Amino acid sequence: MKVAIIMGSNSDWPILEPAEKTLKSFGVEVEVVVASAHRTPDLVQKFASTARDRGVEVIIAGAGAAAHLGGVVAAYTTLPVIGIPINATPLAGMDALLSFVQMPSGVPVATMAINGAKNAALFALQILATGHKELVEKLAADRVKMREEVAAKAATLKEVRGE
């Protein structure tokens, strides 16, 4: 199982790193690439068009501003592409969000929330789970853990409030 994470600049890494951490915690191999849709388009084309040959099953593309990276990647592969709009401009990521969600018909990019790297990783895991049954149980266990954490936080709040 392998997911690729591509970003236009290494300055995007602090936003995207939680995706790598989440994927690795589920035992998924992660390939991380910096390539710009505008400054290194040939590199992006090569990355996307050869991803399946490298064993990549899902691609996560993080981009800010005009956020063309996810769409360009999607244009060169039939693999699922998940976009993460990044808050990188005075528009607080809304420009990137709109660029991702306005893809033309025929070239889809699934889009997460602005800076939503962890959800992108979880969505990639759900996609992978359709062909890797061992992930189904891991995802279910993660949901149980999440519910338990919320219940513990609720109990702590009740204690603090003296209930």
C-alpha atoms as a PDB file:
ATOM      1  CA  MET A   1       0.000   0.000   0.000  1.00  0.00           C
ATOM      2  CA  LYS A   2       1.411   3.334  -1.005  1.00  0.00           C
ATOM      3  CA  VAL A   3       0.161   6.922  -1.033  1.00  0.00           C
ATOM      4  CA  ALA A   4       2.023   9.816  -2.601  1.00  0.00           C
ATOM      5  CA  ILE A   5       1.923  13.324  -1.178  1.00  0.00           C
ATOM      6  CA  ILE A   6       2.876  16.112  -3.574  1.00  0.00           C
ATOM      7  CA  MET A   7       3.239  19.797  -2.774  1.00  0.00           C
ATOM      8  CA  GLY A   8       4.337  22.792  -4.791  1.00  0.00           C
ATOM      9  CA  SER A   9       6.805  24.044  -2.190  1.00  0.00           C
ATOM     10  CA  ASN A  10       8.535  22.679   0.881  1.00  0.00           C
ATOM     11  CA  SER A  11       6.894  25.529   2.819  1.00  0.00           C
ATOM     12  CA  ASP A  12       3.677  23.453   2.569  1.00  0.00           C
ATOM     13  CA  TRP A  13       5.216  20.596   4.562  1.00  0.00           C
ATOM     14  CA  PRO A  14       4.131  21.727   8.059  1.00  0.00           C
ATOM     15  CA  ILE A  15       0.514  21.578   6.857  1.00  0.00           C
ATOM     16  CA  LEU A  16       0.909  18.230   5.066  1.00  0.00           C
ATOM     17  CA  GLU A  17       3.062  16.366   7.579  1.00  0.00           C
ATOM     18  CA  PRO A  18       0.024  15.173   9.610  1.00  0.00           C
ATOM     19  CA  ALA A  19      -1.118  13.273   6.517  1.00  0.00           C
ATOM     20  CA  GLU A  20       2.172  11.383   6.377  1.00  0.00           C
ATOM     21  CA  LYS A  21       2.067  10.644  10.108  1.00  0.00           C
ATOM     22  CA  THR A  22      -1.506   9.358   9.893  1.00  0.00           C
ATOM     23  CA  LEU A  23      -0.792   7.143   6.887  1.00  0.00           C
ATOM     24  CA  LYS A  24       2.350   5.691   8.456  1.00  0.00           C
ATOM     25  CA  SER A  25       0.474   4.966  11.693  1.00  0.00           C
ATOM     26  CA  PHE A  26      -1.720   2.633   9.606  1.00  0.00           C
ATOM     27  CA  GLY A  27       1.303   0.956   8.022  1.00  0.00           C
ATOM     28  CA  VAL A  28       1.030   2.669   4.650  1.00  0.00           C
ATOM     29  CA  GLU A  29       4.159   3.580   2.689  1.00  0.00           C
ATOM     30  CA  VAL A  30       4.347   7.270   1.822  1.00  0.00           C
ATOM     31  CA  GLU A  31       6.181   8.951  -1.038  1.00  0.00           C
ATOM     32  CA  VAL A  32       6.691  12.707  -0.583  1.00  0.00           C
ATOM     33  CA  VAL A  33       7.477  14.949  -3.544  1.00  0.00           C
ATOM     34  CA  VAL A  34       7.945  18.679  -4.068  1.00  0.00           C
ATOM     35  CA  ALA A  35       7.029  19.732  -7.607  1.00  0.00           C
ATOM     36  CA  SER A  36       5.264  22.832  -8.852  1.00  0.00           C
ATOM     37  CA  ALA A  37       2.495  22.805 -11.458  1.00  0.00           C
ATOM     38  CA  HIS A  38       3.802  26.172 -12.683  1.00  0.00           C
ATOM     39  CA  ARG A  39       7.556  26.106 -12.086  1.00  0.00           C
ATOM     40  CA  THR A  40       8.277  22.422 -12.825  1.00  0.00           C
ATOM     41  CA  PRO A  41       5.354  21.178 -14.936  1.00  0.00           C
ATOM     42  CA  ASP A  42       7.435  18.458 -16.615  1.00  0.00           C
ATOM     43  CA  LEU A  43       8.301  17.030 -13.207  1.00  0.00           C
ATOM     44  CA  VAL A  44       4.627  17.047 -12.166  1.00  0.00           C
ATOM     45  CA  GLN A  45       3.651  15.290 -15.400  1.00  0.00           C
ATOM     46  CA  LYS A  46       6.302  12.605 -14.882  1.00  0.00           C
ATOM     47  CA  PHE A  47       5.343  12.161 -11.215  1.00  0.00           C
ATOM     48  CA  ALA A  48       1.641  11.729 -12.001  1.00  0.00           C
ATOM     49  CA  SER A  49       1.907   9.663 -15.165  1.00  0.00           C
ATOM     50  CA  THR A  50       4.280   7.152 -13.556  1.00  0.00           C
ATOM     51  CA  ALA A  51       2.727   7.010 -10.076  1.00  0.00           C
ATOM     52  CA  ARG A  52       0.825   3.771 -10.674  1.00  0.00           C
ATOM     53  CA  ASP A  53       4.017   2.131 -11.974  1.00  0.00           C
ATOM     54  CA  ARG A  54       5.716   3.056  -8.671  1.00  0.00           C
ATOM     55  CA  GLY A  55       2.946   1.318  -6.712  1.00  0.00           C
ATOM     56  CA  VAL A  56       1.088   4.467  -5.708  1.00  0.00           C
ATOM     57  CA  GLU A  57      -2.635   3.848  -5.198  1.00  0.00           C
ATOM     58  CA  VAL A  58      -3.814   7.306  -4.064  1.00  0.00           C
ATOM     59  CA  ILE A  59      -2.295  10.781  -4.460  1.00  0.00           C
ATOM     60  CA  ILE A  60      -2.695  13.644  -2.008  1.00  0.00           C
ATOM     61  CA  ALA A  61      -1.920  17.057  -3.502  1.00  0.00           C
ATOM     62  CA  GLY A  62      -1.521  20.096  -1.278  1.00  0.00           C
ATOM     63  CA  ALA A  63      -1.496  23.549  -2.806  1.00  0.00           C
ATOM     64  CA  GLY A  64      -2.220  27.144  -1.916  1.00  0.00           C
ATOM     65  CA  ALA A  65      -3.162  30.234  -3.926  1.00  0.00           C
ATOM     66  CA  ALA A  66      -4.360  29.245  -7.409  1.00  0.00           C
ATOM     67  CA  ALA A  67      -3.947  25.576  -6.363  1.00  0.00           C
ATOM     68  CA  HIS A  68      -3.522  24.104  -9.823  1.00  0.00           C
ATOM     69  CA  LEU A  69      -1.348  21.229  -8.617  1.00  0.00           C
ATOM     70  CA  GLY A  70      -4.168  18.800  -7.804  1.00  0.00           C
ATOM     71  CA  GLY A  71      -5.878  19.355 -11.133  1.00  0.00           C
ATOM     72  CA  VAL A  72      -2.679  19.021 -13.132  1.00  0.00           C
ATOM     73  CA  VAL A  73      -1.850  15.794 -11.293  1.00  0.00           C
ATOM     74  CA  ALA A  74      -5.374  14.477 -11.917  1.00  0.00           C
ATOM     75  CA  ALA A  75      -5.040  15.287 -15.614  1.00  0.00           C
ATOM     76  CA  TYR A  76      -2.091  12.890 -15.914  1.00  0.00           C
ATOM     77  CA  THR A  77      -3.385   9.909 -13.914  1.00  0.00           C
ATOM     78  CA  THR A  78      -6.495   7.829 -13.349  1.00  0.00           C
ATOM     79  CA  LEU A  79      -5.540   7.312  -9.701  1.00  0.00           C
ATOM     80  CA  PRO A  80      -7.729   9.027  -7.100  1.00  0.00           C
ATOM     81  CA  VAL A  81      -6.404  12.483  -6.258  1.00  0.00           C
ATOM     82  CA  ILE A  82      -7.267  14.178  -2.977  1.00  0.00           C
ATOM     83  CA  GLY A  83      -6.689  17.921  -2.773  1.00  0.00           C
ATOM     84  CA  ILE A  84      -5.763  19.859   0.329  1.00  0.00           C
ATOM     85  CA  PRO A  85      -6.233  23.597  -0.112  1.00  0.00           C
ATOM     86  CA  ILE A  86      -3.553  25.386   1.893  1.00  0.00           C
ATOM     87  CA  ASN A  87      -3.925  28.704   3.662  1.00  0.00           C
ATOM     88  CA  ALA A  88      -1.008  30.466   1.973  1.00  0.00           C
ATOM     89  CA  THR A  89      -2.346  33.844   0.872  1.00  0.00           C
ATOM     90  CA  PRO A  90      -4.227  36.852   2.267  1.00  0.00           C
ATOM     91  CA  LEU A  91      -7.413  35.046   1.146  1.00  0.00           C
ATOM     92  CA  ALA A  92      -6.834  32.477   3.942  1.00  0.00           C
ATOM     93  CA  GLY A  93      -6.999  29.469   1.638  1.00  0.00           C
ATOM     94  CA  MET A  94     -10.369  30.310   0.059  1.00  0.00           C
ATOM     95  CA  ASP A  95      -8.666  30.845  -3.300  1.00  0.00           C
ATOM     96  CA  ALA A  96      -7.118  27.372  -3.096  1.00  0.00           C
ATOM     97  CA  LEU A  97     -10.378  25.803  -1.931  1.00  0.00           C
ATOM     98  CA  LEU A  98     -12.287  27.255  -4.856  1.00  0.00           C
ATOM     99  CA  SER A  99      -9.579  26.168  -7.309  1.00  0.00           C
ATOM    100  CA  PHE A 100      -9.872  22.571  -6.072  1.00  0.00           C
ATOM    101  CA  VAL A 101     -13.658  22.349  -5.978  1.00  0.00           C
ATOM    102  CA  GLN A 102     -14.142  23.973  -9.389  1.00  0.00           C
ATOM    103  CA  MET A 103     -12.424  21.236 -11.393  1.00  0.00           C
ATOM    104  CA  PRO A 104     -13.991  20.735 -14.819  1.00  0.00           C
ATOM    105  CA  SER A 105     -16.202  17.733 -15.422  1.00  0.00           C
ATOM    106  CA  GLY A 106     -14.130  14.674 -16.250  1.00  0.00           C
ATOM    107  CA  VAL A 107     -11.076  15.523 -14.127  1.00  0.00           C
ATOM    108  CA  PRO A 108     -12.208  15.103 -10.511  1.00  0.00           C
ATOM    109  CA  VAL A 109     -10.189  15.987  -7.437  1.00  0.00           C
ATOM    110  CA  ALA A 110     -11.679  15.076  -4.061  1.00  0.00           C
ATOM    111  CA  THR A 111     -11.277  18.119  -1.853  1.00  0.00           C
ATOM    112  CA  MET A 112     -10.747  18.375   1.882  1.00  0.00           C
ATOM    113  CA  ALA A 113     -11.068  21.388   4.163  1.00  0.00           C
ATOM    114  CA  ILE A 114      -8.468  24.118   4.108  1.00  0.00           C
ATOM    115  CA  ASN A 115      -5.338  22.662   5.775  1.00  0.00           C
ATOM    116  CA  GLY A 116      -7.233  19.348   6.165  1.00  0.00           C
ATOM    117  CA  ALA A 117      -4.272  16.975   5.876  1.00  0.00           C
ATOM    118  CA  LYS A 118      -5.407  14.436   8.483  1.00  0.00           C
ATOM    119  CA  ASN A 119      -8.808  14.018   6.830  1.00  0.00           C
ATOM    120  CA  ALA A 120      -7.082  13.629   3.458  1.00  0.00           C
ATOM    121  CA  ALA A 121      -5.030  10.783   4.911  1.00  0.00           C
ATOM    122  CA  LEU A 122      -8.111   9.156   6.452  1.00  0.00           C
ATOM    123  CA  PHE A 123      -9.981   9.436   3.156  1.00  0.00           C
ATOM    124  CA  ALA A 124      -6.999   7.893   1.347  1.00  0.00           C
ATOM    125  CA  LEU A 125      -7.086   5.045   3.878  1.00  0.00           C
ATOM    126  CA  GLN A 126     -10.794   4.513   3.210  1.00  0.00           C
ATOM    127  CA  ILE A 127     -10.069   4.324  -0.514  1.00  0.00           C
ATOM    128  CA  LEU A 128      -7.241   1.857   0.115  1.00  0.00           C
ATOM    129  CA  ALA A 129      -9.493  -0.214   2.385  1.00  0.00           C
ATOM    130  CA  THR A 130     -11.664  -1.140  -0.610  1.00  0.00           C
ATOM    131  CA  GLY A 131      -8.791  -3.313  -1.809  1.00  0.00           C
ATOM    132  CA  HIS A 132      -6.845  -3.928   1.394  1.00  0.00           C
ATOM    133  CA  LYS A 133      -9.178  -5.548   3.893  1.00  0.00           C
ATOM    134  CA  GLU A 134      -6.652  -5.275   6.757  1.00  0.00           C
ATOM    135  CA  LEU A 135      -7.293  -1.529   6.763  1.00  0.00           C
ATOM    136  CA  VAL A 136     -11.014  -2.019   7.403  1.00  0.00           C
ATOM    137  CA  GLU A 137     -10.352  -3.298  10.932  1.00  0.00           C
ATOM    138  CA  LYS A 138      -7.711  -0.641  11.589  1.00  0.00           C
ATOM    139  CA  LEU A 139     -10.096   2.126  10.522  1.00  0.00           C
ATOM    140  CA  ALA A 140     -12.868   0.690  12.694  1.00  0.00           C
ATOM    141  CA  ALA A 141     -10.490   0.527  15.680  1.00  0.00           C
ATOM    142  CA  ASP A 142      -9.454   4.136  15.036  1.00  0.00           C
ATOM    143  CA  ARG A 143     -13.120   5.210  15.180  1.00  0.00           C
ATOM    144  CA  VAL A 144     -13.578   3.378  18.495  1.00  0.00           C
ATOM    145  CA  LYS A 145     -10.462   5.076  19.875  1.00  0.00           C
ATOM    146  CA  MET A 146     -11.776   8.459  18.720  1.00  0.00           C
ATOM    147  CA  ARG A 147     -15.128   7.870  20.461  1.00  0.00           C
ATOM    148  CA  GLU A 148     -13.332   6.851  23.655  1.00  0.00           C
ATOM    149  CA  GLU A 149     -11.184   9.994  23.544  1.00  0.00           C
ATOM    150  CA  VAL A 150     -14.270  12.192  23.171  1.00  0.00           C
ATOM    151  CA  ALA A 151     -16.003  10.397  26.064  1.00  0.00           C
ATOM    152  CA  ALA A 152     -12.912  10.907  28.241  1.00  0.00           C
ATOM    153  CA  LYS A 153     -12.830  14.617  27.392  1.00  0.00           C
ATOM    154  CA  ALA A 154     -16.521  14.920  28.248  1.00  0.00           C
ATOM    155  CA  ALA A 155     -15.931  13.198  31.610  1.00  0.00           C
ATOM    156  CA  THR A 156     -13.004  15.533  32.353  1.00  0.00           C
ATOM    157  CA  LEU A 157     -15.135  18.568  31.598  1.00  0.00           C
ATOM    158  CA  LYS A 158     -17.861  17.299  33.923  1.00  0.00           C
ATOM    159  CA  GLU A 159     -15.254  16.886  36.689  1.00  0.00           C
ATOM    160  CA  VAL A 160     -13.878  20.381  36.142  1.00  0.00           C
ATOM    161  CA  ARG A 161     -17.393  21.797  36.289  1.00  0.00           C
ATOM    162  CA  GLY A 162     -18.145  19.817  39.465  1.00  0.00           C
ATOM    163  CA  GLU A 163     -20.905  17.685  37.997  1.00  0.00           C
END
